[in-house]
PDB file of N, CA and C in Angstrom:
ATOM      1  N   MET A   1      70.018  42.169-127.401  1.00  0.00           N
ATOM      2  CA  MET A   1      69.985  41.651-125.046  1.00  0.00           C
ATOM      3  C   MET A   1      71.699  41.254-125.474  1.00  0.00           C
ATOM      4  N   GLY A   2      72.636  41.647-124.586  1.00  0.00           N
ATOM      5  CA  GLY A   2      74.385  41.411-124.536  1.00  0.00           C
ATOM      6  C   GLY A   2      74.150  41.011-123.746  1.00  0.00           C
ATOM      7  N   ARG A   3      74.967  40.294-123.167  1.00  0.00           N
ATOM      8  CA  ARG A   3      75.831  38.858-120.608  1.00  0.00           C
ATOM      9  C   ARG A   3      76.414  40.694-120.853  1.00  0.00           C
ATOM     10  N   ARG A   4      76.025  40.198-119.524  1.00  0.00           N
ATOM     11  CA  ARG A   4      76.535  40.765-118.133  1.00  0.00           C
ATOM     12  C   ARG A   4      78.356  41.623-118.332  1.00  0.00           C
ATOM     13  N   ARG A   5      78.224  42.622-117.825  1.00  0.00           N
ATOM     14  CA  ARG A   5      79.001  42.348-118.215  1.00  0.00           C
ATOM     15  C   ARG A   5      80.489  41.863-116.474  1.00  0.00           C
ATOM     16  N   ARG A   6      81.486  40.989-116.809  1.00  0.00           N
ATOM     17  CA  ARG A   6      82.402  40.823-115.673  1.00  0.00           C
ATOM     18  C   ARG A   6      82.503  41.806-115.026  1.00  0.00           C
ATOM     19  N   LYS A   7      82.591  41.633-113.470  1.00  0.00           N
ATOM     20  CA  LYS A   7      83.517  43.082-113.279  1.00  0.00           C
ATOM     21  C   LYS A   7      85.521  42.101-113.142  1.00  0.00           C
ATOM     22  N   LYS A   8      86.245  42.754-113.297  1.00  0.00           N
ATOM     23  CA  LYS A   8      87.629  42.789-113.590  1.00  0.00           C
ATOM     24  C   LYS A   8      87.927  42.628-112.219  1.00  0.00           C
ATOM     25  N   VAL A   9      88.866  41.341-112.166  1.00  0.00           N
ATOM     26  CA  VAL A   9      89.530  40.842-110.845  1.00  0.00           C
ATOM     27  C   VAL A   9      91.175  41.423-110.391  1.00  0.00           C
ATOM     28  N   GLN A  10      90.794  42.059-109.305  1.00  0.00           N
ATOM     29  CA  GLN A  10      91.512  42.349-108.555  1.00  0.00           C
ATOM     30  C   GLN A  10      92.685  41.569-108.011  1.00  0.00           C
ATOM     31  N   ARG A  11      94.187  41.812-108.123  1.00  0.00           N
ATOM     32  CA  ARG A  11      95.292  41.069-108.173  1.00  0.00           C
ATOM     33  C   ARG A  11      95.890  42.052-106.352  1.00  0.00           C
ATOM     34  N   ARG A  12      96.435  41.228-105.409  1.00  0.00           N
ATOM     35  CA  ARG A  12      96.294  41.697-104.439  1.00  0.00           C
ATOM     36  C   ARG A  12      98.323  42.207-104.730  1.00  0.00           C
ATOM     37  N   PRO A  13      98.532  43.479-104.503  1.00  0.00           N
ATOM     38  CA  PRO A  13      99.999  43.199-104.453  1.00  0.00           C
ATOM     39  C   PRO A  13     100.568  42.116-103.680  1.00  0.00           C
ATOM     40  N   GLU A  14     101.554  41.622-104.278  1.00  0.00           N
ATOM     41  CA  GLU A  14     102.558  40.663-103.724  1.00  0.00           C
ATOM     42  C   GLU A  14     103.258  41.104-102.650  1.00  0.00           C
ATOM     43  N   ARG A  15     103.423  40.906-101.333  1.00  0.00           N
ATOM     44  CA  ARG A  15     104.312  41.234 -99.887  1.00  0.00           C
ATOM     45  C   ARG A  15     105.665  41.171-100.606  1.00  0.00           C
ATOM     46  N   ARG A  16     107.136  41.597-100.386  1.00  0.00           N
ATOM     47  CA  ARG A  16     108.580  41.063-100.464  1.00  0.00           C
ATOM     48  C   ARG A  16     108.867  41.472 -99.103  1.00  0.00           C
ATOM     49  N   ILE A  17     109.716  40.722 -98.632  1.00  0.00           N
ATOM     50  CA  ILE A  17     111.084  40.887 -97.816  1.00  0.00           C
ATOM     51  C   ILE A  17     111.849  42.590 -97.660  1.00  0.00           C
ATOM     52  N   PRO A  18     111.721  43.114 -97.178  1.00  0.00           N
ATOM     53  CA  PRO A  18     112.120  44.306 -96.913  1.00  0.00           C
ATOM     54  C   PRO A  18     113.909  44.367 -97.336  1.00  0.00           C
ATOM     55  N   THR A  19     115.025  45.201 -97.746  1.00  0.00           N
ATOM     56  CA  THR A  19     116.074  45.635 -97.661  1.00  0.00           C
ATOM     57  C   THR A  19     116.907  46.074 -96.485  1.00  0.00           C
ATOM     58  N   VAL A  20     115.514  46.985 -95.497  1.00  0.00           N
ATOM     59  CA  VAL A  20     116.634  48.044 -95.295  1.00  0.00           C
ATOM     60  C   VAL A  20     115.610  47.400 -93.846  1.00  0.00           C
ATOM     61  N   PHE A  21     116.190  47.559 -92.315  1.00  0.00           N
ATOM     62  CA  PHE A  21     115.955  47.679 -91.219  1.00  0.00           C
ATOM     63  C   PHE A  21     116.068  48.720 -90.306  1.00  0.00           C
ATOM     64  N   GLU A  22     115.324  48.555 -89.283  1.00  0.00           N
ATOM     65  CA  GLU A  22     115.168  49.585 -88.063  1.00  0.00           C
ATOM     66  C   GLU A  22     116.488  49.324 -87.106  1.00  0.00           C
ATOM     67  N   CYS A  23     117.364  50.233 -86.888  1.00  0.00           N
ATOM     68  CA  CYS A  23     118.335  49.684 -85.810  1.00  0.00           C
ATOM     69  C   CYS A  23     117.794  49.549 -84.283  1.00  0.00           C
ATOM     70  N   PRO A  24     118.222  48.955 -83.320  1.00  0.00           N
ATOM     71  CA  PRO A  24     117.423  48.521 -81.602  1.00  0.00           C
ATOM     72  C   PRO A  24     118.269  49.761 -81.357  1.00  0.00           C
ATOM     73  N   SER A  25     119.567  50.563 -81.921  1.00  0.00           N
ATOM     74  CA  SER A  25     119.750  51.343 -81.057  1.00  0.00           C
ATOM     75  C   SER A  25     119.740  52.682 -81.415  1.00  0.00           C
ATOM     76  N   CYS A  26     119.856  52.837 -82.310  1.00  0.00           N
ATOM     77  CA  CYS A  26     119.189  54.466 -83.144  1.00  0.00           C
ATOM     78  C   CYS A  26     117.742  53.966 -82.998  1.00  0.00           C
ATOM     79  N   GLY A  27     117.698  53.432 -83.803  1.00  0.00           N
ATOM     80  CA  GLY A  27     115.402  53.617 -84.146  1.00  0.00           C
ATOM     81  C   GLY A  27     115.894  54.220 -85.416  1.00  0.00           C
ATOM     82  N   GLU A  28     117.259  54.228 -86.568  1.00  0.00           N
ATOM     83  CA  GLU A  28     116.417  54.520 -88.158  1.00  0.00           C
ATOM     84  C   GLU A  28     116.972  53.405 -89.007  1.00  0.00           C
ATOM     85  N   ASN A  29     115.966  53.921 -89.411  1.00  0.00           N
ATOM     86  CA  ASN A  29     115.751  52.796 -91.083  1.00  0.00           C
ATOM     87  C   ASN A  29     117.300  52.067 -91.747  1.00  0.00           C
ATOM     88  N   ALA A  30     118.024  52.186 -91.359  1.00  0.00           N
ATOM     89  CA  ALA A  30     119.732  52.190 -91.480  1.00  0.00           C
ATOM     90  C   ALA A  30     120.498  50.272 -91.618  1.00  0.00           C
ATOM     91  N   VAL A  31     119.603  49.570 -91.329  1.00  0.00           N
ATOM     92  CA  VAL A  31     120.092  48.105 -91.051  1.00  0.00           C
ATOM     93  C   VAL A  31     120.073  47.794 -91.801  1.00  0.00           C
ATOM     94  N   LYS A  32     121.372  47.246 -92.592  1.00  0.00           N
ATOM     95  CA  LYS A  32     122.406  46.410 -93.467  1.00  0.00           C
ATOM     96  C   LYS A  32     122.374  45.038 -94.000  1.00  0.00           C
ATOM     97  N   VAL A  33     121.816  44.055 -94.592  1.00  0.00           N
ATOM     98  CA  VAL A  33     122.145  42.230 -94.230  1.00  0.00           C
ATOM     99  C   VAL A  33     122.970  42.103 -95.251  1.00  0.00           C
ATOM    100  N   GLU A  34     124.266  41.670 -95.355  1.00  0.00           N
ATOM    101  CA  GLU A  34     125.478  41.122 -95.726  1.00  0.00           C
ATOM    102  C   GLU A  34     125.099  39.651 -95.794  1.00  0.00           C
ATOM    103  N   ILE A  35     124.496  39.151 -97.263  1.00  0.00           N
ATOM    104  CA  ILE A  35     124.515  37.520 -97.203  1.00  0.00           C
ATOM    105  C   ILE A  35     125.618  36.456 -97.907  1.00  0.00           C
ATOM    106  N   ASN A  36     126.543  36.183 -97.251  1.00  0.00           N
ATOM    107  CA  ASN A  36     127.605  35.456 -97.540  1.00  0.00           C
ATOM    108  C   ASN A  36     127.310  34.338 -97.689  1.00  0.00           C
ATOM    109  N   LYS A  37     126.426  33.329 -99.087  1.00  0.00           N
ATOM    110  CA  LYS A  37     126.238  31.691 -98.586  1.00  0.00           C
ATOM    111  C   LYS A  37     127.592  30.866 -98.466  1.00  0.00           C
ATOM    112  N   ALA A  38     128.713  31.248 -99.233  1.00  0.00           N
ATOM    113  CA  ALA A  38     129.746  30.721 -99.727  1.00  0.00           C
ATOM    114  C   ALA A  38     130.366  30.645 -98.007  1.00  0.00           C
ATOM    115  N   GLU A  39     130.398  31.291 -97.412  1.00  0.00           N
ATOM    116  CA  GLU A  39     130.393  30.982 -96.238  1.00  0.00           C
ATOM    117  C   GLU A  39     130.210  30.564 -94.988  1.00  0.00           C
ATOM    118  N   GLU A  40     128.501  31.081 -95.539  1.00  0.00           N
ATOM    119  CA  GLU A  40     127.696  30.949 -94.199  1.00  0.00           C
ATOM    120  C   GLU A  40     127.830  31.595 -93.892  1.00  0.00           C
ATOM    121  N   LEU A  41     127.927  33.239 -93.647  1.00  0.00           N
ATOM    122  CA  LEU A  41     127.388  34.200 -92.352  1.00  0.00           C
ATOM    123  C   LEU A  41     127.334  35.244 -92.973  1.00  0.00           C
ATOM    124  N   ALA A  42     126.373  35.750 -92.163  1.00  0.00           N
ATOM    125  CA  ALA A  42     126.173  36.927 -92.938  1.00  0.00           C
ATOM    126  C   ALA A  42     125.940  37.740 -91.903  1.00  0.00           C
ATOM    127  N   THR A  43     126.549  39.431 -92.563  1.00  0.00           N
ATOM    128  CA  THR A  43     127.361  40.099 -91.916  1.00  0.00           C
ATOM    129  C   THR A  43     125.448  41.813 -91.915  1.00  0.00           C
ATOM    130  N   VAL A  44     125.276  42.391 -90.677  1.00  0.00           N
ATOM    131  CA  VAL A  44     124.359  43.043 -90.628  1.00  0.00           C
ATOM    132  C   VAL A  44     125.193  43.852 -88.994  1.00  0.00           C
ATOM    133  N   GLY A  45     124.894  44.876 -90.531  1.00  0.00           N
ATOM    134  CA  GLY A  45     125.229  46.741 -89.455  1.00  0.00           C
ATOM    135  C   GLY A  45     124.352  47.685 -90.042  1.00  0.00           C
ATOM    136  N   CYS A  46     124.496  48.613 -89.125  1.00  0.00           N
ATOM    137  CA  CYS A  46     123.832  50.265 -89.057  1.00  0.00           C
ATOM    138  C   CYS A  46     125.028  51.259 -89.404  1.00  0.00           C
ATOM    139  N   GLY A  47     123.979  51.547 -90.314  1.00  0.00           N
ATOM    140  CA  GLY A  47     124.307  52.358 -91.578  1.00  0.00           C
ATOM    141  C   GLY A  47     125.194  54.127 -91.003  1.00  0.00           C
ATOM    142  N   ASN A  48     124.108  54.305 -89.794  1.00  0.00           N
ATOM    143  CA  ASN A  48     123.905  55.391 -88.779  1.00  0.00           C
ATOM    144  C   ASN A  48     124.558  55.396 -87.473  1.00  0.00           C
ATOM    145  N   CYS A  49     124.928  53.959 -86.603  1.00  0.00           N
ATOM    146  CA  CYS A  49     125.188  54.215 -85.339  1.00  0.00           C
ATOM    147  C   CYS A  49     126.332  53.856 -85.735  1.00  0.00           C
ATOM    148  N   GLY A  50     127.342  52.454 -86.971  1.00  0.00           N
ATOM    149  CA  GLY A  50     128.127  51.624 -86.657  1.00  0.00           C
ATOM    150  C   GLY A  50     127.135  50.125 -85.789  1.00  0.00           C
ATOM    151  N   LEU A  51     126.591  49.926 -85.334  1.00  0.00           N
ATOM    152  CA  LEU A  51     126.349  48.855 -84.757  1.00  0.00           C
ATOM    153  C   LEU A  51     126.652  47.355 -85.837  1.00  0.00           C
ATOM    154  N   THR A  52     127.099  46.554 -85.226  1.00  0.00           N
ATOM    155  CA  THR A  52     127.848  45.424 -86.108  1.00  0.00           C
ATOM    156  C   THR A  52     127.369  43.912 -85.613  1.00  0.00           C
ATOM    157  N   LYS A  53     127.341  43.099 -86.680  1.00  0.00           N
ATOM    158  CA  LYS A  53     127.556  41.701 -86.200  1.00  0.00           C
ATOM    159  C   LYS A  53     127.963  40.510 -87.260  1.00  0.00           C
ATOM    160  N   LYS A  54     127.645  39.122 -87.241  1.00  0.00           N
ATOM    161  CA  LYS A  54     128.414  38.483 -87.782  1.00  0.00           C
ATOM    162  C   LYS A  54     128.017  37.613 -87.533  1.00  0.00           C
ATOM    163  N   VAL A  55     125.981  36.797 -88.082  1.00  0.00           N
ATOM    164  CA  VAL A  55     125.939  35.676 -87.950  1.00  0.00           C
ATOM    165  C   VAL A  55     125.827  34.442 -88.907  1.00  0.00           C
ATOM    166  N   LYS A  56     125.652  33.202 -88.090  1.00  0.00           N
ATOM    167  CA  LYS A  56     125.794  31.992 -88.953  1.00  0.00           C
ATOM    168  C   LYS A  56     124.276  32.107 -89.621  1.00  0.00           C
ATOM    169  N   ILE A  57     124.279  31.766 -90.621  1.00  0.00           N
ATOM    170  CA  ILE A  57     123.528  31.152 -91.508  1.00  0.00           C
ATOM    171  C   ILE A  57     123.435  29.822 -91.989  1.00  0.00           C
ATOM    172  N   THR A  58     122.070  28.778 -92.433  1.00  0.00           N
ATOM    173  CA  THR A  58     122.199  27.825 -93.246  1.00  0.00           C
ATOM    174  C   THR A  58     121.667  28.026 -94.577  1.00  0.00           C
ATOM    175  N   LYS A  59     121.651  27.700 -95.437  1.00  0.00           N
ATOM    176  CA  LYS A  59     121.345  27.921 -96.836  1.00  0.00           C
ATOM    177  C   LYS A  59     120.071  28.430 -97.291  1.00  0.00           C
ATOM    178  N   LEU A  60     118.942  28.026 -96.053  1.00  0.00           N
ATOM    179  CA  LEU A  60     117.474  28.219 -96.404  1.00  0.00           C
ATOM    180  C   LEU A  60     117.590  30.065 -94.956  1.00  0.00           C
ATOM    181  N   THR A  61     118.080  30.238 -94.931  1.00  0.00           N
ATOM    182  CA  THR A  61     117.919  31.327 -93.822  1.00  0.00           C
ATOM    183  C   THR A  61     118.605  33.178 -94.672  1.00  0.00           C
ATOM    184  N   GLU A  62     116.385  33.837 -94.906  1.00  0.00           N
ATOM    185  CA  GLU A  62     116.859  34.553 -95.105  1.00  0.00           C
ATOM    186  C   GLU A  62     117.306  36.089 -94.646  1.00  0.00           C
ATOM    187  N   THR A  63     117.271  37.987 -94.982  1.00  0.00           N
ATOM    188  CA  THR A  63     118.242  37.993 -94.278  1.00  0.00           C
ATOM    189  C   THR A  63     117.036  38.946 -93.821  1.00  0.00           C
ATOM    190  N   VAL A  64     115.839  38.634 -92.948  1.00  0.00           N
ATOM    191  CA  VAL A  64     114.501  38.920 -92.311  1.00  0.00           C
ATOM    192  C   VAL A  64     115.347  38.178 -90.652  1.00  0.00           C
ATOM    193  N   ASP A  65     115.724  36.600 -91.168  1.00  0.00           N
ATOM    194  CA  ASP A  65     115.681  35.550 -90.088  1.00  0.00           C
ATOM    195  C   ASP A  65     117.528  36.361 -89.776  1.00  0.00           C
ATOM    196  N   ALA A  66     118.333  36.555 -89.726  1.00  0.00           N
ATOM    197  CA  ALA A  66     119.959  36.698 -89.394  1.00  0.00           C
ATOM    198  C   ALA A  66     119.026  38.455 -89.175  1.00  0.00           C
ATOM    199  N   TYR A  67     118.349  39.209 -89.512  1.00  0.00           N
ATOM    200  CA  TYR A  67     118.023  40.613 -88.677  1.00  0.00           C
ATOM    201  C   TYR A  67     117.283  40.298 -87.214  1.00  0.00           C
ATOM    202  N   SER A  68     116.302  38.742 -87.178  1.00  0.00           N
ATOM    203  CA  SER A  68     115.690  39.017 -85.972  1.00  0.00           C
ATOM    204  C   SER A  68     117.035  38.627 -84.457  1.00  0.00           C
ATOM    205  N   GLU A  69     117.895  37.753 -85.773  1.00  0.00           N
ATOM    206  CA  GLU A  69     119.144  37.357 -85.031  1.00  0.00           C
ATOM    207  C   GLU A  69     119.604  38.638 -83.915  1.00  0.00           C
ATOM    208  N   PHE A  70     120.584  39.058 -85.154  1.00  0.00           N
ATOM    209  CA  PHE A  70     120.963  40.160 -84.196  1.00  0.00           C
ATOM    210  C   PHE A  70     120.093  41.517 -83.456  1.00  0.00           C
ATOM    211  N   VAL A  71     118.696  41.463 -83.610  1.00  0.00           N
ATOM    212  CA  VAL A  71     118.045  42.121 -82.490  1.00  0.00           C
ATOM    213  C   VAL A  71     118.209  41.707 -80.825  1.00  0.00           C
ATOM    214  N   ASP A  72     118.065  40.182 -81.356  1.00  0.00           N
ATOM    215  CA  ASP A  72     118.086  39.388 -80.111  1.00  0.00           C
ATOM    216  C   ASP A  72     119.360  39.679 -79.307  1.00  0.00           C
ATOM    217  N   ALA A  73     119.733  39.443 -80.003  1.00  0.00           N
ATOM    218  CA  ALA A  73     121.274  39.654 -79.793  1.00  0.00           C
ATOM    219  C   ALA A  73     121.511  40.330 -78.977  1.00  0.00           C
ATOM    220  N   PHE A  74     120.687  41.946 -79.451  1.00  0.00           N
ATOM    221  CA  PHE A  74     120.846  43.642 -78.703  1.00  0.00           C
ATOM    222  C   PHE A  74     120.861  43.515 -77.520  1.00  0.00           C
ATOM    223  N   TYR A  75     119.156  43.488 -77.595  1.00  0.00           N
ATOM    224  CA  TYR A  75     118.114  43.163 -76.515  1.00  0.00           C
ATOM    225  C   TYR A  75     118.562  42.211 -74.947  1.00  0.00           C
ATOM    226  N   GLU A  76     119.984  41.214 -75.631  1.00  0.00           N
ATOM    227  CA  GLU A  76     120.416  40.183 -74.330  1.00  0.00           C
ATOM    228  C   GLU A  76     121.477  40.827 -73.483  1.00  0.00           C
ATOM    229  N   GLY A  77     121.656  41.871 -75.532  1.00  0.00           N
ATOM    230  CA  GLY A  77     123.235  42.644 -73.985  1.00  0.00           C
ATOM    231  C   GLY A  77     124.311  41.570 -74.613  1.00  0.00           C
ATOM    232  N   GLU A  78     124.007  40.858 -75.628  1.00  0.00           N
ATOM    233  CA  GLU A  78     125.709  40.140 -75.843  1.00  0.00           C
ATOM    234  C   GLU A  78     126.442  40.849 -76.496  1.00  0.00           C
ATOM    235  N   LYS A  79     127.439  40.795 -75.668  1.00  0.00           N
ATOM    236  CA  LYS A  79     129.295  41.654 -75.963  1.00  0.00           C
ATOM    237  C   LYS A  79     130.086  41.448 -77.650  1.00  0.00           C
ATOM    238  N   ALA A  80     129.105  40.728 -78.182  1.00  0.00           N
ATOM    239  CA  ALA A  80     129.532  39.911 -79.622  1.00  0.00           C
ATOM    240  C   ALA A  80     129.574  40.466 -80.735  1.00  0.00           C
ATOM    241  N   VAL A  81     127.861  42.090 -80.352  1.00  0.00           N
ATOM    242  CA  VAL A  81     127.828  42.743 -80.979  1.00  0.00           C
ATOM    243  C   VAL A  81     128.810  44.078 -81.004  1.00  0.00           C
ATOM    244  N   SER A  82     129.048  44.448 -81.834  1.00  0.00           N
ATOM    245  CA  SER A  82     130.394  45.564 -81.940  1.00  0.00           C
ATOM    246  C   SER A  82     129.635  46.935 -81.630  1.00  0.00           C
ATOM    247  N   ASN A  83     130.737  48.063 -82.290  1.00  0.00           N
ATOM    248  CA  ASN A  83     129.585  49.444 -81.324  1.00  0.00           C
ATOM    249  C   ASN A  83     130.461  50.290 -82.482  1.00  0.00           C
ATOM    250  N   GLU A  84     130.747  49.230 -83.937  1.00  0.00           N
ATOM    251  CA  GLU A  84     132.004  51.102 -84.620  1.00  0.00           C
ATOM    252  C   GLU A  84     131.890  51.306 -86.130  1.00  0.00           C
ATOM    253  N   ARG A  85     132.203  52.543 -86.287  1.00  0.00           N
ATOM    254  CA  ARG A  85     131.743  52.770 -87.151  1.00  0.00           C
ATOM    255  C   ARG A  85     133.012  52.626 -87.881  1.00  0.00           C
ATOM    256  N   LYS A  86     132.450  52.718 -89.894  1.00  0.00           N
ATOM    257  CA  LYS A  86     133.013  51.442 -90.059  1.00  0.00           C
ATOM    258  C   LYS A  86     134.249  53.373 -90.944  1.00  0.00           C
TER     259      LYS A  86
END
């Protein structure tokens, strides 16, 4: 008689930080964040409606952090958020 077979361990897939986000203005998934760590700036912009903003970052800042600052500035009605098409 043999031993009882062990159940295989099922690993959960690791969650990843998204690279494209939803635009607060037009609602499309078209907001991209470009981080320049040398200049300590992140450029957040929508490829659909052209809404852009430059955000100051630190060494620990991720793309999600820059996006959240962009959304907060949009909903506060900050005038630094420009609506220009490239």
